């Protein structure tokens, strides 16, 4: 199977998955949507904290590295 066909099939599969998720999202109640939004917010907050921690660690490493 050539690259173009594989790419087309992958795009179609992604489209089907997006349509399925859109349908499921439409069926959620307002309370479920709120809970989902809170969960996503928490995940993003945790990712931001992790990135901040990593960048602080890297800054400290390179600061100490420069002293050596």
C-alpha atoms as a PDB file:
ATOM      1  CA  UNK A   1       0.000   0.000   0.000  1.00  0.00           C
ATOM      2  CA  UNK A   2       1.548   3.276  -0.965  1.00  0.00           C
ATOM      3  CA  UNK A   3       2.026   6.309   1.236  1.00  0.00           C
ATOM      4  CA  UNK A   4      -0.786   8.358  -0.286  1.00  0.00           C
ATOM      5  CA  UNK A   5      -3.383   5.651   0.347  1.00  0.00           C
ATOM      6  CA  UNK A   6      -2.172   5.110   3.928  1.00  0.00           C
ATOM      7  CA  UNK A   7      -2.383   8.838   4.565  1.00  0.00           C
ATOM      8  CA  UNK A   8      -5.908   8.981   3.113  1.00  0.00           C
ATOM      9  CA  UNK A   9      -7.068   6.038   5.232  1.00  0.00           C
ATOM     10  CA  UNK A  10      -5.553   7.572   8.375  1.00  0.00           C
ATOM     11  CA  UNK A  11      -7.324  10.855   7.621  1.00  0.00           C
ATOM     12  CA  UNK A  12     -10.640   9.028   7.141  1.00  0.00           C
ATOM     13  CA  UNK A  13     -10.184   7.140  10.413  1.00  0.00           C
ATOM     14  CA  UNK A  14      -9.445  10.398  12.227  1.00  0.00           C
ATOM     15  CA  UNK A  15     -12.562  11.977  10.698  1.00  0.00           C
ATOM     16  CA  UNK A  16     -14.726   9.035  11.824  1.00  0.00           C
ATOM     17  CA  UNK A  17     -13.282   9.267  15.344  1.00  0.00           C
ATOM     18  CA  UNK A  18     -13.950  13.008  15.492  1.00  0.00           C
ATOM     19  CA  UNK A  19     -17.543  12.499  14.354  1.00  0.00           C
ATOM     20  CA  UNK A  20     -18.026   9.800  16.998  1.00  0.00           C
ATOM     21  CA  UNK A  21     -16.627  12.067  19.726  1.00  0.00           C
ATOM     22  CA  UNK A  22     -18.813  14.961  18.563  1.00  0.00           C
ATOM     23  CA  UNK A  23     -21.874  12.706  18.830  1.00  0.00           C
ATOM     24  CA  UNK A  24     -20.912  11.565  22.322  1.00  0.00           C
ATOM     25  CA  UNK A  25     -20.267  15.146  23.391  1.00  0.00           C
ATOM     26  CA  UNK A  26     -23.699  16.197  22.157  1.00  0.00           C
ATOM     27  CA  UNK A  27     -25.274  13.493  24.339  1.00  0.00           C
ATOM     28  CA  UNK A  28     -23.622  14.685  27.576  1.00  0.00           C
ATOM     29  CA  UNK A  29     -25.665  16.462  30.209  1.00  0.00           C
ATOM     30  CA  UNK A  30     -24.661  19.936  31.431  1.00  0.00           C
ATOM     31  CA  UNK A  31     -23.360  18.415  34.673  1.00  0.00           C
ATOM     32  CA  UNK A  32     -21.204  15.942  32.765  1.00  0.00           C
ATOM     33  CA  UNK A  33     -19.882  18.740  30.559  1.00  0.00           C
ATOM     34  CA  UNK A  34     -19.001  20.751  33.656  1.00  0.00           C
ATOM     35  CA  UNK A  35     -17.176  17.784  35.174  1.00  0.00           C
ATOM     36  CA  UNK A  36     -15.322  17.222  31.923  1.00  0.00           C
ATOM     37  CA  UNK A  37     -14.310  20.889  31.763  1.00  0.00           C
ATOM     38  CA  UNK A  38     -13.040  20.737  35.367  1.00  0.00           C
ATOM     39  CA  UNK A  39     -11.027  17.616  34.578  1.00  0.00           C
ATOM     40  CA  UNK A  40      -9.454  19.209  31.506  1.00  0.00           C
ATOM     41  CA  UNK A  41      -8.660  22.357  33.497  1.00  0.00           C
ATOM     42  CA  UNK A  42      -6.955  20.267  36.195  1.00  0.00           C
ATOM     43  CA  UNK A  43      -4.889  18.387  33.616  1.00  0.00           C
ATOM     44  CA  UNK A  44      -3.755  21.644  32.012  1.00  0.00           C
ATOM     45  CA  UNK A  45      -2.920  23.100  35.419  1.00  0.00           C
ATOM     46  CA  UNK A  46      -0.832  20.027  36.275  1.00  0.00           C
ATOM     47  CA  UNK A  47       0.968  20.224  32.929  1.00  0.00           C
ATOM     48  CA  UNK A  48       1.787  23.900  33.526  1.00  0.00           C
ATOM     49  CA  UNK A  49       3.163  23.105  36.985  1.00  0.00           C
ATOM     50  CA  UNK A  50       5.266  20.285  35.589  1.00  0.00           C
ATOM     51  CA  UNK A  51       6.678  22.458  32.817  1.00  0.00           C
ATOM     52  CA  UNK A  52       7.471  25.204  35.330  1.00  0.00           C
ATOM     53  CA  UNK A  53       9.240  22.705  37.558  1.00  0.00           C
ATOM     54  CA  UNK A  54      11.240  21.331  34.631  1.00  0.00           C
ATOM     55  CA  UNK A  55      12.264  24.793  33.459  1.00  0.00           C
ATOM     56  CA  UNK A  56      13.310  25.766  37.005  1.00  0.00           C
ATOM     57  CA  UNK A  57      15.396  22.613  37.238  1.00  0.00           C
ATOM     58  CA  UNK A  58      17.012  23.259  33.883  1.00  0.00           C
ATOM     59  CA  UNK A  59      17.744  26.872  34.838  1.00  0.00           C
ATOM     60  CA  UNK A  60      19.413  25.728  38.053  1.00  0.00           C
ATOM     61  CA  UNK A  61      21.378  23.055  36.196  1.00  0.00           C
ATOM     62  CA  UNK A  62      22.707  25.465  33.593  1.00  0.00           C
ATOM     63  CA  UNK A  63      23.439  28.085  36.224  1.00  0.00           C
ATOM     64  CA  UNK A  64      25.534  25.544  38.155  1.00  0.00           C
ATOM     65  CA  UNK A  65      27.021  24.241  34.912  1.00  0.00           C
ATOM     66  CA  UNK A  66      28.258  27.720  34.057  1.00  0.00           C
ATOM     67  CA  UNK A  67      30.074  27.966  37.384  1.00  0.00           C
ATOM     68  CA  UNK A  68      32.046  24.781  36.732  1.00  0.00           C
END
